[in-house]
Each structure stands twice: as structure tokens, then as C-alpha cells.
Amino acid sequence: MLHGPSSGYDWTDADAEVWEAMIKERDAGRTRLLGVSNVSLRHLKQMASAHDESPAFVQNRCYARLGWDRDMRLFCKEREITYQGFSLLTANVEVLQHPLN
């Protein structure tokens, strides 16, 4: 799992180097799947344009107030990348406190 881009803003040469090293580890049989975490759609698009291989999955904190990461989920679906939302409850306390009626 590559935990977000190192710069926080753009996919960098350092990120590309780490991703390539991860691919080598996978190809050597030391892991099965590669993923990224805490990335924006812009980061994922930059990554896709810089590499032939996309991650198998994306893990992102998913907020109701931001549309449940809808654009990212669509991008992932179109490219057969598994999207894994996390902190669905703790990141969305206001939704949990909403009355049922």
C-alpha cells in the first residue's frame, strides 16, 4: 500500500520510484496486490498517466458531505480498480446523528 503522494499535492518522481519498486516486489512474488491510500482523483489521474499499471485498489476516507468520493469511485469503476471507503462512521458523525424520520 502506497500511503498517499509524498508531496501531498502531486504525483512526484519519488512516488513513481516507490511504485516501480512495489511492482518489482509483486512480480517477485512477495505480495499479490498493490494499492494506494489517501489519494485525490488528481493524484490517481497523474499516477495513471505516468505508469502502465494502475493500483488494484484505492483506500480513501469517505465523507458524506463531499459526495461519498463519487468521482473517485466512478474513475475506479471505469478502470476496474477496487474502491475501499474507510471511516464511514467516524468520518460522518453528522449522518449518524440525523433523525430517522
N, C-alpha and C. Protein backbone atom coordinates (compact mmCIF):
# COMPACT_ATOMS: atom_id res chain seq x y z
N MET A 1 0.84 -1.16 0.00
CA MET A 1 0.00 0.00 0.00
C MET A 1 0.90 1.24 0.00
N LEU A 2 0.71 2.06 -0.99
CA LEU A 2 1.40 3.34 -1.03
C LEU A 2 0.48 4.36 -0.39
N HIS A 3 0.92 4.93 0.71
CA HIS A 3 0.09 5.79 1.54
C HIS A 3 0.19 7.24 1.09
N GLY A 4 -0.61 7.61 0.09
CA GLY A 4 -0.67 8.98 -0.38
C GLY A 4 0.60 9.45 -1.08
N PRO A 5 0.50 10.44 -1.94
CA PRO A 5 1.69 11.00 -2.60
C PRO A 5 2.57 11.72 -1.58
N SER A 6 3.86 11.63 -1.78
CA SER A 6 4.80 12.19 -0.81
C SER A 6 4.70 13.70 -0.67
N SER A 7 4.35 14.38 -1.75
CA SER A 7 4.27 15.85 -1.69
C SER A 7 2.95 16.32 -1.09
N GLY A 8 1.95 15.46 -1.12
CA GLY A 8 0.62 15.86 -0.68
C GLY A 8 -0.16 16.58 -1.77
N TYR A 9 0.51 16.98 -2.85
CA TYR A 9 -0.16 17.75 -3.90
C TYR A 9 -0.11 17.05 -5.26
N ASP A 10 1.06 16.58 -5.65
CA ASP A 10 1.22 15.99 -6.97
C ASP A 10 1.95 14.66 -6.87
N TRP A 11 1.75 13.84 -7.88
CA TRP A 11 2.49 12.59 -8.03
C TRP A 11 3.91 12.97 -8.43
N THR A 12 4.90 12.57 -7.64
CA THR A 12 6.27 13.02 -7.86
C THR A 12 7.14 11.89 -8.40
N ASP A 13 8.37 12.24 -8.77
CA ASP A 13 9.33 11.21 -9.19
C ASP A 13 9.60 10.23 -8.06
N ALA A 14 9.61 10.72 -6.82
CA ALA A 14 9.82 9.82 -5.67
C ALA A 14 8.67 8.82 -5.55
N ASP A 15 7.44 9.27 -5.77
CA ASP A 15 6.29 8.37 -5.74
C ASP A 15 6.40 7.33 -6.85
N ALA A 16 6.81 7.78 -8.03
CA ALA A 16 6.97 6.86 -9.16
C ALA A 16 8.03 5.80 -8.86
N GLU A 17 9.10 6.21 -8.22
CA GLU A 17 10.17 5.28 -7.87
C GLU A 17 9.66 4.23 -6.86
N VAL A 18 8.91 4.68 -5.89
CA VAL A 18 8.36 3.75 -4.90
C VAL A 18 7.37 2.79 -5.58
N TRP A 19 6.52 3.32 -6.44
CA TRP A 19 5.54 2.48 -7.14
C TRP A 19 6.23 1.41 -7.98
N GLU A 20 7.27 1.79 -8.69
CA GLU A 20 8.02 0.82 -9.51
C GLU A 20 8.67 -0.25 -8.62
N ALA A 21 9.18 0.15 -7.46
CA ALA A 21 9.77 -0.83 -6.53
C ALA A 21 8.70 -1.78 -6.01
N MET A 22 7.51 -1.26 -5.77
CA MET A 22 6.41 -2.10 -5.31
C MET A 22 6.02 -3.11 -6.39
N ILE A 23 6.01 -2.69 -7.64
CA ILE A 23 5.70 -3.60 -8.75
C ILE A 23 6.74 -4.72 -8.80
N LYS A 24 8.01 -4.38 -8.61
CA LYS A 24 9.06 -5.40 -8.61
C LYS A 24 8.86 -6.41 -7.48
N GLU A 25 8.46 -5.93 -6.31
CA GLU A 25 8.19 -6.82 -5.18
C GLU A 25 7.04 -7.77 -5.51
N ARG A 26 6.00 -7.23 -6.12
CA ARG A 26 4.86 -8.05 -6.51
C ARG A 26 5.27 -9.09 -7.55
N ASP A 27 6.03 -8.64 -8.55
CA ASP A 27 6.48 -9.54 -9.61
C ASP A 27 7.39 -10.64 -9.07
N ALA A 28 8.10 -10.36 -7.98
CA ALA A 28 8.98 -11.35 -7.35
C ALA A 28 8.19 -12.30 -6.44
N GLY A 29 6.89 -12.06 -6.32
CA GLY A 29 6.05 -12.95 -5.54
C GLY A 29 5.98 -12.63 -4.06
N ARG A 30 6.46 -11.47 -3.66
CA ARG A 30 6.45 -11.12 -2.24
C ARG A 30 5.17 -10.41 -1.78
N THR A 31 4.30 -10.12 -2.73
CA THR A 31 2.97 -9.58 -2.42
C THR A 31 2.08 -9.90 -3.62
N ARG A 32 0.79 -9.84 -3.41
CA ARG A 32 -0.11 -10.17 -4.52
C ARG A 32 -0.73 -8.95 -5.16
N LEU A 33 -1.16 -7.99 -4.35
CA LEU A 33 -1.89 -6.84 -4.87
C LEU A 33 -1.23 -5.54 -4.41
N LEU A 34 -1.33 -4.54 -5.26
CA LEU A 34 -0.77 -3.22 -4.94
C LEU A 34 -1.90 -2.20 -4.89
N GLY A 35 -1.83 -1.33 -3.91
CA GLY A 35 -2.85 -0.31 -3.80
C GLY A 35 -2.29 1.01 -3.33
N VAL A 36 -3.16 2.02 -3.34
CA VAL A 36 -2.81 3.34 -2.85
C VAL A 36 -3.88 3.79 -1.86
N SER A 37 -3.48 4.69 -0.98
CA SER A 37 -4.39 5.16 0.06
C SER A 37 -4.27 6.66 0.19
N ASN A 38 -5.38 7.29 0.56
CA ASN A 38 -5.40 8.73 0.81
C ASN A 38 -4.92 9.53 -0.39
N VAL A 39 -5.50 9.23 -1.54
CA VAL A 39 -5.15 9.95 -2.76
C VAL A 39 -6.38 10.69 -3.27
N SER A 40 -6.13 11.79 -3.94
CA SER A 40 -7.22 12.51 -4.60
C SER A 40 -7.38 11.96 -6.01
N LEU A 41 -8.46 12.34 -6.65
CA LEU A 41 -8.66 11.93 -8.03
C LEU A 41 -7.53 12.47 -8.91
N ARG A 42 -7.10 13.69 -8.63
CA ARG A 42 -5.98 14.26 -9.39
C ARG A 42 -4.72 13.40 -9.25
N HIS A 43 -4.43 12.96 -8.02
CA HIS A 43 -3.27 12.09 -7.81
C HIS A 43 -3.39 10.81 -8.62
N LEU A 44 -4.57 10.20 -8.57
CA LEU A 44 -4.76 8.93 -9.27
C LEU A 44 -4.64 9.12 -10.78
N LYS A 45 -5.16 10.22 -11.30
CA LYS A 45 -5.02 10.50 -12.73
C LYS A 45 -3.56 10.74 -13.11
N GLN A 46 -2.82 11.47 -12.27
CA GLN A 46 -1.39 11.69 -12.53
C GLN A 46 -0.65 10.36 -12.53
N MET A 47 -0.99 9.51 -11.57
CA MET A 47 -0.36 8.20 -11.48
C MET A 47 -0.67 7.38 -12.73
N ALA A 48 -1.92 7.38 -13.16
CA ALA A 48 -2.32 6.61 -14.33
C ALA A 48 -1.60 7.09 -15.60
N SER A 49 -1.38 8.39 -15.70
CA SER A 49 -0.70 8.90 -16.89
C SER A 49 0.80 8.63 -16.87
N ALA A 50 1.34 8.40 -15.68
CA ALA A 50 2.79 8.18 -15.54
C ALA A 50 3.18 6.71 -15.57
N HIS A 51 2.22 5.79 -15.40
CA HIS A 51 2.54 4.37 -15.28
C HIS A 51 1.60 3.52 -16.12
N ASP A 52 2.13 2.41 -16.58
CA ASP A 52 1.31 1.47 -17.35
C ASP A 52 0.34 0.71 -16.46
N GLU A 53 0.68 0.58 -15.20
CA GLU A 53 -0.11 -0.24 -14.29
C GLU A 53 -0.80 0.59 -13.22
N SER A 54 -2.10 0.39 -13.12
CA SER A 54 -2.88 1.05 -12.08
C SER A 54 -2.88 0.20 -10.82
N PRO A 55 -3.21 0.81 -9.69
CA PRO A 55 -3.32 0.01 -8.47
C PRO A 55 -4.51 -0.93 -8.57
N ALA A 56 -4.47 -2.01 -7.80
CA ALA A 56 -5.59 -2.94 -7.74
C ALA A 56 -6.72 -2.35 -6.90
N PHE A 57 -6.35 -1.50 -5.94
CA PHE A 57 -7.37 -0.89 -5.09
C PHE A 57 -6.93 0.48 -4.60
N VAL A 58 -7.93 1.27 -4.25
CA VAL A 58 -7.75 2.60 -3.66
C VAL A 58 -8.50 2.59 -2.34
N GLN A 59 -7.83 3.01 -1.27
CA GLN A 59 -8.49 3.16 0.04
C GLN A 59 -8.51 4.64 0.39
N ASN A 60 -9.71 5.18 0.57
CA ASN A 60 -9.86 6.59 0.91
C ASN A 60 -10.86 6.76 2.03
N ARG A 61 -10.62 7.76 2.87
CA ARG A 61 -11.63 8.16 3.86
C ARG A 61 -12.79 8.73 3.05
N CYS A 62 -13.98 8.35 3.40
CA CYS A 62 -15.15 8.67 2.59
C CYS A 62 -16.12 9.54 3.39
N TYR A 63 -16.36 10.76 2.92
CA TYR A 63 -17.18 11.73 3.62
C TYR A 63 -18.52 11.95 2.91
N ALA A 64 -19.60 11.92 3.67
CA ALA A 64 -20.92 12.19 3.11
C ALA A 64 -20.98 13.61 2.54
N ARG A 65 -20.43 14.58 3.28
CA ARG A 65 -20.53 15.98 2.86
C ARG A 65 -19.77 16.27 1.57
N LEU A 66 -18.89 15.35 1.17
CA LEU A 66 -18.14 15.51 -0.07
C LEU A 66 -18.64 14.55 -1.16
N GLY A 67 -19.85 14.04 -0.97
CA GLY A 67 -20.45 13.20 -2.01
C GLY A 67 -19.98 11.77 -2.01
N TRP A 68 -19.47 11.31 -0.88
CA TRP A 68 -19.03 9.91 -0.74
C TRP A 68 -17.96 9.54 -1.76
N ASP A 69 -17.12 10.50 -2.15
CA ASP A 69 -16.00 10.23 -3.08
C ASP A 69 -16.50 9.71 -4.44
N ARG A 70 -17.64 10.24 -4.86
CA ARG A 70 -18.33 9.77 -6.06
C ARG A 70 -17.45 9.77 -7.32
N ASP A 71 -16.76 10.87 -7.59
CA ASP A 71 -15.94 10.94 -8.81
C ASP A 71 -14.80 9.92 -8.77
N MET A 72 -14.21 9.74 -7.60
CA MET A 72 -13.14 8.75 -7.46
C MET A 72 -13.70 7.34 -7.68
N ARG A 73 -14.86 7.06 -7.09
CA ARG A 73 -15.45 5.74 -7.25
C ARG A 73 -15.77 5.45 -8.72
N LEU A 74 -16.25 6.45 -9.45
CA LEU A 74 -16.54 6.28 -10.88
C LEU A 74 -15.26 6.02 -11.66
N PHE A 75 -14.22 6.80 -11.40
CA PHE A 75 -12.93 6.61 -12.06
C PHE A 75 -12.42 5.19 -11.82
N CYS A 76 -12.51 4.74 -10.57
CA CYS A 76 -12.06 3.39 -10.23
C CYS A 76 -12.89 2.33 -10.95
N LYS A 77 -14.19 2.51 -10.95
CA LYS A 77 -15.07 1.53 -11.61
C LYS A 77 -14.74 1.41 -13.09
N GLU A 78 -14.53 2.54 -13.76
CA GLU A 78 -14.21 2.54 -15.19
C GLU A 78 -12.91 1.81 -15.49
N ARG A 79 -12.00 1.76 -14.51
CA ARG A 79 -10.69 1.14 -14.71
C ARG A 79 -10.52 -0.17 -13.95
N GLU A 80 -11.64 -0.68 -13.42
CA GLU A 80 -11.64 -1.95 -12.69
C GLU A 80 -10.67 -1.93 -11.49
N ILE A 81 -10.65 -0.80 -10.81
CA ILE A 81 -9.89 -0.64 -9.57
C ILE A 81 -10.90 -0.76 -8.43
N THR A 82 -10.60 -1.58 -7.46
CA THR A 82 -11.49 -1.72 -6.31
C THR A 82 -11.37 -0.49 -5.41
N TYR A 83 -12.50 0.10 -5.12
CA TYR A 83 -12.53 1.26 -4.21
C TYR A 83 -12.94 0.77 -2.83
N GLN A 84 -12.16 1.14 -1.82
CA GLN A 84 -12.45 0.77 -0.44
C GLN A 84 -12.58 2.05 0.38
N GLY A 85 -13.80 2.40 0.75
CA GLY A 85 -14.02 3.55 1.61
C GLY A 85 -13.77 3.15 3.05
N PHE A 86 -13.14 4.05 3.82
CA PHE A 86 -12.95 3.75 5.23
C PHE A 86 -13.38 4.93 6.08
N SER A 87 -13.52 4.70 7.37
CA SER A 87 -14.01 5.68 8.33
C SER A 87 -15.42 6.14 7.97
N LEU A 88 -16.20 5.24 7.43
CA LEU A 88 -17.55 5.61 7.01
C LEU A 88 -18.40 6.10 8.18
N LEU A 89 -18.18 5.56 9.35
CA LEU A 89 -18.93 6.01 10.52
C LEU A 89 -18.24 7.16 11.23
N THR A 90 -16.98 7.02 11.54
CA THR A 90 -16.28 8.05 12.31
C THR A 90 -16.07 9.35 11.53
N ALA A 91 -16.02 9.29 10.24
CA ALA A 91 -15.84 10.49 9.43
C ALA A 91 -17.18 11.17 9.12
N ASN A 92 -18.28 10.52 9.52
CA ASN A 92 -19.61 11.02 9.15
C ASN A 92 -20.56 11.04 10.34
N VAL A 93 -20.07 11.56 11.45
CA VAL A 93 -20.85 11.59 12.69
C VAL A 93 -22.18 12.33 12.48
N GLU A 94 -22.16 13.39 11.69
CA GLU A 94 -23.39 14.16 11.47
C GLU A 94 -24.48 13.31 10.80
N VAL A 95 -24.10 12.38 9.97
CA VAL A 95 -25.06 11.49 9.33
C VAL A 95 -25.65 10.53 10.36
N LEU A 96 -24.79 10.04 11.25
CA LEU A 96 -25.26 9.12 12.29
C LEU A 96 -26.24 9.81 13.25
N GLN A 97 -26.06 11.09 13.44
CA GLN A 97 -26.90 11.84 14.37
C GLN A 97 -28.18 12.37 13.74
N HIS A 98 -28.36 12.16 12.44
CA HIS A 98 -29.53 12.64 11.73
C HIS A 98 -30.76 11.82 12.17
N PRO A 99 -31.89 12.48 12.44
CA PRO A 99 -33.08 11.72 12.86
C PRO A 99 -33.58 10.81 11.73
N LEU A 100 -34.13 9.70 12.11
CA LEU A 100 -34.60 8.73 11.13
C LEU A 100 -35.87 9.19 10.43
N ASN A 101 -36.65 10.03 11.03
CA ASN A 101 -37.95 10.48 10.44
C ASN A 101 -37.73 11.52 9.39
